N, C-alpha and C. Protein backbone atom coordinates (compact mmCIF):
# COMPACT_ATOMS: atom_id res chain seq x y z
N UNK A 1 0.82 -1.20 0.00
CA UNK A 1 0.00 0.00 0.00
C UNK A 1 0.86 1.26 0.00
N UNK A 2 2.09 1.18 0.51
CA UNK A 2 2.92 2.36 0.57
C UNK A 2 2.44 3.37 1.59
N UNK A 3 1.85 2.89 2.67
CA UNK A 3 1.26 3.76 3.69
C UNK A 3 1.77 3.33 5.06
N UNK A 4 2.17 4.31 5.87
CA UNK A 4 2.51 4.04 7.26
C UNK A 4 1.21 4.07 8.05
N UNK A 5 0.98 3.04 8.86
CA UNK A 5 -0.31 2.93 9.56
C UNK A 5 -0.13 2.92 11.07
N UNK A 6 -1.19 3.31 11.74
CA UNK A 6 -1.25 3.34 13.20
C UNK A 6 -2.57 2.70 13.62
N UNK A 7 -2.48 1.69 14.46
CA UNK A 7 -3.68 0.98 14.91
C UNK A 7 -4.54 1.89 15.77
N UNK A 8 -5.82 1.94 15.48
CA UNK A 8 -6.76 2.70 16.28
C UNK A 8 -7.58 1.82 17.20
N UNK A 9 -8.04 0.66 16.68
CA UNK A 9 -8.95 -0.18 17.47
C UNK A 9 -9.04 -1.56 16.85
N UNK A 10 -9.12 -2.57 17.69
CA UNK A 10 -9.43 -3.93 17.25
C UNK A 10 -10.86 -4.24 17.64
N UNK A 11 -11.55 -4.99 16.81
CA UNK A 11 -12.94 -5.40 17.08
C UNK A 11 -13.80 -4.20 17.48
N UNK A 12 -13.80 -3.20 16.60
CA UNK A 12 -14.54 -1.96 16.86
C UNK A 12 -16.02 -2.18 16.56
N UNK A 13 -16.83 -2.14 17.59
CA UNK A 13 -18.29 -2.27 17.44
C UNK A 13 -18.90 -0.88 17.49
N UNK A 14 -19.69 -0.59 16.47
CA UNK A 14 -20.31 0.73 16.39
C UNK A 14 -21.55 0.64 15.51
N UNK A 15 -22.21 1.75 15.34
CA UNK A 15 -23.36 1.82 14.44
C UNK A 15 -23.15 2.99 13.49
N UNK A 16 -23.82 2.93 12.35
CA UNK A 16 -23.79 4.04 11.40
C UNK A 16 -25.13 4.08 10.70
N UNK A 17 -25.34 5.15 9.93
CA UNK A 17 -26.58 5.27 9.17
C UNK A 17 -27.79 5.24 10.07
N UNK A 18 -28.74 4.42 9.72
CA UNK A 18 -29.99 4.29 10.47
C UNK A 18 -29.89 3.21 11.54
N UNK A 19 -28.79 3.20 12.28
CA UNK A 19 -28.61 2.24 13.36
C UNK A 19 -28.08 0.89 12.92
N UNK A 20 -27.40 0.84 11.78
CA UNK A 20 -26.80 -0.41 11.31
C UNK A 20 -25.61 -0.74 12.19
N UNK A 21 -25.62 -1.92 12.79
CA UNK A 21 -24.53 -2.34 13.67
C UNK A 21 -23.44 -3.04 12.86
N UNK A 22 -22.18 -2.67 13.15
CA UNK A 22 -21.05 -3.30 12.49
C UNK A 22 -19.98 -3.60 13.53
N UNK A 23 -19.14 -4.57 13.20
CA UNK A 23 -17.92 -4.81 13.96
C UNK A 23 -16.79 -4.90 12.94
N UNK A 24 -15.92 -3.90 12.99
CA UNK A 24 -14.77 -3.86 12.10
C UNK A 24 -13.64 -4.58 12.81
N UNK A 25 -13.06 -5.59 12.15
CA UNK A 25 -12.02 -6.41 12.79
C UNK A 25 -10.87 -5.56 13.31
N UNK A 26 -10.35 -4.68 12.47
CA UNK A 26 -9.29 -3.75 12.88
C UNK A 26 -9.46 -2.47 12.08
N UNK A 27 -9.08 -1.35 12.69
CA UNK A 27 -9.14 -0.08 11.97
C UNK A 27 -7.85 0.69 12.24
N UNK A 28 -7.31 1.25 11.16
CA UNK A 28 -6.04 1.96 11.21
C UNK A 28 -6.20 3.36 10.63
N UNK A 29 -5.35 4.28 11.11
CA UNK A 29 -5.15 5.56 10.44
C UNK A 29 -3.87 5.40 9.64
N UNK A 30 -3.82 5.98 8.46
CA UNK A 30 -2.64 5.84 7.61
C UNK A 30 -2.23 7.16 7.01
N UNK A 31 -0.95 7.25 6.67
CA UNK A 31 -0.42 8.43 5.98
C UNK A 31 0.59 7.95 4.94
N UNK A 32 0.50 8.52 3.73
CA UNK A 32 1.44 8.12 2.69
C UNK A 32 2.61 9.09 2.62
N UNK A 33 3.54 8.85 1.71
CA UNK A 33 4.76 9.67 1.63
C UNK A 33 4.49 11.10 1.18
N UNK A 34 3.30 11.35 0.63
CA UNK A 34 2.92 12.70 0.24
C UNK A 34 2.16 13.43 1.34
N UNK A 35 1.96 12.76 2.48
CA UNK A 35 1.25 13.38 3.60
C UNK A 35 -0.26 13.22 3.55
N UNK A 36 -0.77 12.43 2.61
CA UNK A 36 -2.21 12.20 2.51
C UNK A 36 -2.63 11.19 3.57
N UNK A 37 -3.72 11.49 4.27
CA UNK A 37 -4.22 10.63 5.34
C UNK A 37 -5.33 9.72 4.83
N UNK A 38 -5.46 8.55 5.48
CA UNK A 38 -6.47 7.56 5.12
C UNK A 38 -7.04 6.93 6.38
N UNK A 39 -8.22 6.36 6.24
CA UNK A 39 -8.75 5.45 7.25
C UNK A 39 -8.78 4.07 6.59
N UNK A 40 -8.31 3.05 7.34
CA UNK A 40 -8.12 1.73 6.75
C UNK A 40 -8.82 0.67 7.60
N UNK A 41 -10.02 0.25 7.19
CA UNK A 41 -10.66 -0.86 7.88
C UNK A 41 -10.10 -2.18 7.36
N UNK A 42 -9.90 -3.13 8.26
CA UNK A 42 -9.35 -4.43 7.88
C UNK A 42 -10.35 -5.51 8.26
N UNK A 43 -10.66 -6.37 7.32
CA UNK A 43 -11.49 -7.55 7.55
C UNK A 43 -10.55 -8.75 7.48
N UNK A 44 -10.45 -9.48 8.57
CA UNK A 44 -9.52 -10.62 8.63
C UNK A 44 -10.31 -11.91 8.83
N UNK A 45 -9.96 -12.92 8.06
CA UNK A 45 -10.64 -14.21 8.14
C UNK A 45 -9.62 -15.33 8.28
N UNK A 46 -10.00 -16.37 9.00
CA UNK A 46 -9.15 -17.54 9.16
C UNK A 46 -9.97 -18.79 8.85
N UNK A 47 -9.27 -19.90 8.70
CA UNK A 47 -9.95 -21.17 8.48
C UNK A 47 -10.81 -21.15 7.24
N UNK A 48 -12.01 -21.65 7.37
CA UNK A 48 -12.93 -21.75 6.24
C UNK A 48 -13.80 -20.50 6.08
N UNK A 49 -13.64 -19.52 7.00
CA UNK A 49 -14.39 -18.27 6.86
C UNK A 49 -13.95 -17.56 5.58
N UNK A 50 -14.91 -16.94 4.91
CA UNK A 50 -14.61 -16.25 3.66
C UNK A 50 -14.82 -14.75 3.81
N UNK A 51 -14.09 -14.01 3.01
CA UNK A 51 -14.25 -12.56 2.97
C UNK A 51 -15.68 -12.27 2.52
N UNK A 52 -16.36 -11.38 3.25
CA UNK A 52 -17.75 -11.10 2.95
C UNK A 52 -17.94 -9.77 2.24
N UNK A 53 -18.68 -9.80 1.14
CA UNK A 53 -18.96 -8.58 0.40
C UNK A 53 -19.78 -7.62 1.25
N UNK A 54 -20.82 -8.13 1.92
CA UNK A 54 -21.68 -7.27 2.74
C UNK A 54 -20.87 -6.62 3.85
N UNK A 55 -20.03 -7.40 4.54
CA UNK A 55 -19.21 -6.83 5.61
C UNK A 55 -18.26 -5.78 5.06
N UNK A 56 -17.66 -6.04 3.91
CA UNK A 56 -16.74 -5.07 3.31
C UNK A 56 -17.45 -3.76 2.98
N UNK A 57 -18.64 -3.86 2.41
CA UNK A 57 -19.42 -2.67 2.08
C UNK A 57 -19.80 -1.92 3.35
N UNK A 58 -20.26 -2.64 4.38
CA UNK A 58 -20.64 -1.99 5.63
C UNK A 58 -19.44 -1.31 6.29
N UNK A 59 -18.29 -1.99 6.32
CA UNK A 59 -17.08 -1.39 6.90
C UNK A 59 -16.74 -0.09 6.17
N UNK A 60 -16.80 -0.13 4.85
CA UNK A 60 -16.48 1.03 4.03
C UNK A 60 -17.45 2.18 4.30
N UNK A 61 -18.74 1.89 4.27
CA UNK A 61 -19.74 2.93 4.48
C UNK A 61 -19.65 3.52 5.89
N UNK A 62 -19.40 2.67 6.88
CA UNK A 62 -19.25 3.13 8.25
C UNK A 62 -18.06 4.09 8.36
N UNK A 63 -16.93 3.73 7.77
CA UNK A 63 -15.74 4.59 7.83
C UNK A 63 -15.96 5.91 7.11
N UNK A 64 -16.69 5.88 5.99
CA UNK A 64 -17.00 7.14 5.29
C UNK A 64 -17.79 8.07 6.19
N UNK A 65 -18.73 7.51 6.97
CA UNK A 65 -19.55 8.33 7.86
C UNK A 65 -18.78 8.79 9.09
N UNK A 66 -18.02 7.90 9.70
CA UNK A 66 -17.32 8.21 10.95
C UNK A 66 -16.09 9.09 10.74
N UNK A 67 -15.49 9.02 9.55
CA UNK A 67 -14.27 9.78 9.25
C UNK A 67 -14.48 10.58 7.97
N UNK A 68 -15.41 11.55 8.00
CA UNK A 68 -15.70 12.31 6.77
C UNK A 68 -14.46 13.06 6.28
N UNK A 69 -14.29 13.05 4.99
CA UNK A 69 -13.16 13.75 4.40
C UNK A 69 -11.92 12.90 4.24
N UNK A 70 -11.87 11.73 4.89
CA UNK A 70 -10.71 10.85 4.74
C UNK A 70 -11.03 9.76 3.72
N UNK A 71 -10.15 9.54 2.77
CA UNK A 71 -10.36 8.42 1.85
C UNK A 71 -10.30 7.09 2.62
N UNK A 72 -11.13 6.15 2.22
CA UNK A 72 -11.16 4.82 2.83
C UNK A 72 -10.38 3.87 1.93
N UNK A 73 -9.41 3.17 2.54
CA UNK A 73 -8.66 2.13 1.81
C UNK A 73 -8.89 0.83 2.57
N UNK A 74 -9.84 0.05 2.11
CA UNK A 74 -10.25 -1.17 2.81
C UNK A 74 -9.34 -2.34 2.45
N UNK A 75 -8.99 -3.12 3.48
CA UNK A 75 -8.12 -4.28 3.32
C UNK A 75 -8.86 -5.52 3.80
N UNK A 76 -8.71 -6.60 3.07
CA UNK A 76 -9.19 -7.91 3.50
C UNK A 76 -7.98 -8.84 3.56
N UNK A 77 -7.91 -9.64 4.61
CA UNK A 77 -6.78 -10.56 4.78
C UNK A 77 -7.30 -11.94 5.10
N UNK A 78 -6.65 -12.95 4.52
CA UNK A 78 -7.07 -14.33 4.75
C UNK A 78 -5.87 -15.25 4.53
N UNK A 79 -5.82 -16.31 5.33
CA UNK A 79 -4.78 -17.31 5.11
C UNK A 79 -5.06 -18.03 3.80
N UNK A 80 -4.07 -18.04 2.91
CA UNK A 80 -4.17 -18.78 1.65
C UNK A 80 -3.72 -20.22 1.86
N UNK A 81 -2.83 -20.42 2.82
CA UNK A 81 -2.36 -21.75 3.24
C UNK A 81 -1.86 -21.59 4.68
N UNK A 82 -1.28 -22.65 5.23
CA UNK A 82 -0.83 -22.59 6.62
C UNK A 82 0.20 -21.50 6.87
N UNK A 83 1.00 -21.17 5.86
CA UNK A 83 2.07 -20.20 6.08
C UNK A 83 2.06 -19.03 5.10
N UNK A 84 0.93 -18.81 4.44
CA UNK A 84 0.82 -17.69 3.50
C UNK A 84 -0.45 -16.90 3.79
N UNK A 85 -0.27 -15.59 3.93
CA UNK A 85 -1.40 -14.69 4.13
C UNK A 85 -1.63 -13.93 2.83
N UNK A 86 -2.86 -13.93 2.35
CA UNK A 86 -3.24 -13.14 1.17
C UNK A 86 -3.90 -11.86 1.67
N UNK A 87 -3.43 -10.73 1.16
CA UNK A 87 -4.01 -9.44 1.52
C UNK A 87 -4.52 -8.76 0.25
N UNK A 88 -5.72 -8.23 0.34
CA UNK A 88 -6.38 -7.59 -0.79
C UNK A 88 -6.77 -6.18 -0.40
N UNK A 89 -6.46 -5.22 -1.26
CA UNK A 89 -7.06 -3.90 -1.10
C UNK A 89 -8.30 -3.91 -1.96
N UNK A 90 -9.43 -3.59 -1.36
CA UNK A 90 -10.70 -3.64 -2.08
C UNK A 90 -11.27 -2.24 -2.24
N UNK A 91 -11.93 -2.05 -3.36
CA UNK A 91 -12.59 -0.78 -3.66
C UNK A 91 -14.08 -1.05 -3.69
N UNK A 92 -14.83 -0.19 -3.03
CA UNK A 92 -16.29 -0.29 -3.06
C UNK A 92 -16.78 0.80 -3.99
N UNK A 93 -17.48 0.40 -5.04
CA UNK A 93 -18.01 1.35 -6.02
C UNK A 93 -19.44 0.97 -6.32
N UNK A 94 -20.36 1.89 -6.00
CA UNK A 94 -21.78 1.64 -6.26
C UNK A 94 -22.23 0.33 -5.63
N UNK A 95 -21.80 0.12 -4.38
CA UNK A 95 -22.15 -1.06 -3.58
C UNK A 95 -21.68 -2.38 -4.20
N UNK A 96 -20.61 -2.30 -4.97
CA UNK A 96 -19.95 -3.50 -5.49
C UNK A 96 -18.50 -3.50 -5.01
N UNK A 97 -17.98 -4.69 -4.69
CA UNK A 97 -16.61 -4.81 -4.22
C UNK A 97 -15.73 -5.32 -5.34
N UNK A 98 -14.60 -4.62 -5.54
CA UNK A 98 -13.62 -5.04 -6.54
C UNK A 98 -12.24 -5.05 -5.88
N UNK A 99 -11.42 -6.02 -6.24
CA UNK A 99 -10.06 -6.10 -5.72
C UNK A 99 -9.18 -5.19 -6.57
N UNK A 100 -8.51 -4.23 -5.91
CA UNK A 100 -7.62 -3.33 -6.65
C UNK A 100 -6.15 -3.75 -6.54
N UNK A 101 -5.79 -4.44 -5.44
CA UNK A 101 -4.43 -4.94 -5.26
C UNK A 101 -4.49 -6.24 -4.48
N UNK A 102 -3.56 -7.12 -4.79
CA UNK A 102 -3.46 -8.39 -4.07
C UNK A 102 -1.99 -8.69 -3.83
N UNK A 103 -1.68 -9.05 -2.59
CA UNK A 103 -0.31 -9.42 -2.22
C UNK A 103 -0.37 -10.68 -1.36
N UNK A 104 0.65 -11.54 -1.50
CA UNK A 104 0.76 -12.74 -0.67
C UNK A 104 2.05 -12.64 0.13
N UNK A 105 1.96 -12.99 1.41
CA UNK A 105 3.11 -12.91 2.30
C UNK A 105 3.34 -14.27 2.94
N UNK A 106 4.55 -14.79 2.81
CA UNK A 106 4.90 -16.07 3.40
C UNK A 106 5.43 -15.83 4.81
N UNK A 107 4.89 -16.55 5.77
CA UNK A 107 5.35 -16.48 7.14
C UNK A 107 6.54 -17.41 7.30
N UNK A 108 7.61 -16.89 7.85
CA UNK A 108 8.83 -17.68 8.02
C UNK A 108 9.30 -17.57 9.47
N UNK A 109 10.04 -18.57 9.93
CA UNK A 109 10.61 -18.48 11.29
C UNK A 109 11.57 -17.29 11.39
N UNK A 110 11.64 -16.70 12.56
CA UNK A 110 12.50 -15.55 12.79
C UNK A 110 13.94 -15.83 12.37
N UNK A 111 14.42 -17.03 12.64
CA UNK A 111 15.80 -17.39 12.32
C UNK A 111 16.08 -17.37 10.82
N UNK A 112 15.03 -17.44 9.99
CA UNK A 112 15.21 -17.41 8.54
C UNK A 112 15.32 -15.99 7.98
N UNK A 113 15.11 -14.99 8.82
CA UNK A 113 15.21 -13.60 8.37
C UNK A 113 16.65 -13.13 8.39
N UNK A 114 17.00 -12.28 7.45
CA UNK A 114 18.36 -11.72 7.41
C UNK A 114 18.51 -10.62 8.44
């Protein structure tokens, strides 16, 4: 993403709109190298749980309401295998979810790092 992030809250339960209840897995504030700020909701899934379109849309809409004026950069993360995490930046457009970026990260033991 090219953004430095700061954790704001894990498992943030709140409401937006007409009392719609949401729980955002994680929410971050971010800033890029040009000084532009973002709000970044993260939806994280493990096991057989799947990334949800409805949850992604709700997370996005909630962040737009709670953080007016800040662009929303939504992230979904899921284990692709036992040692690989797939991360997706998703864009919500007209209540449709599209993947704009996808990255895979292999988890390795600390001793394997340089």
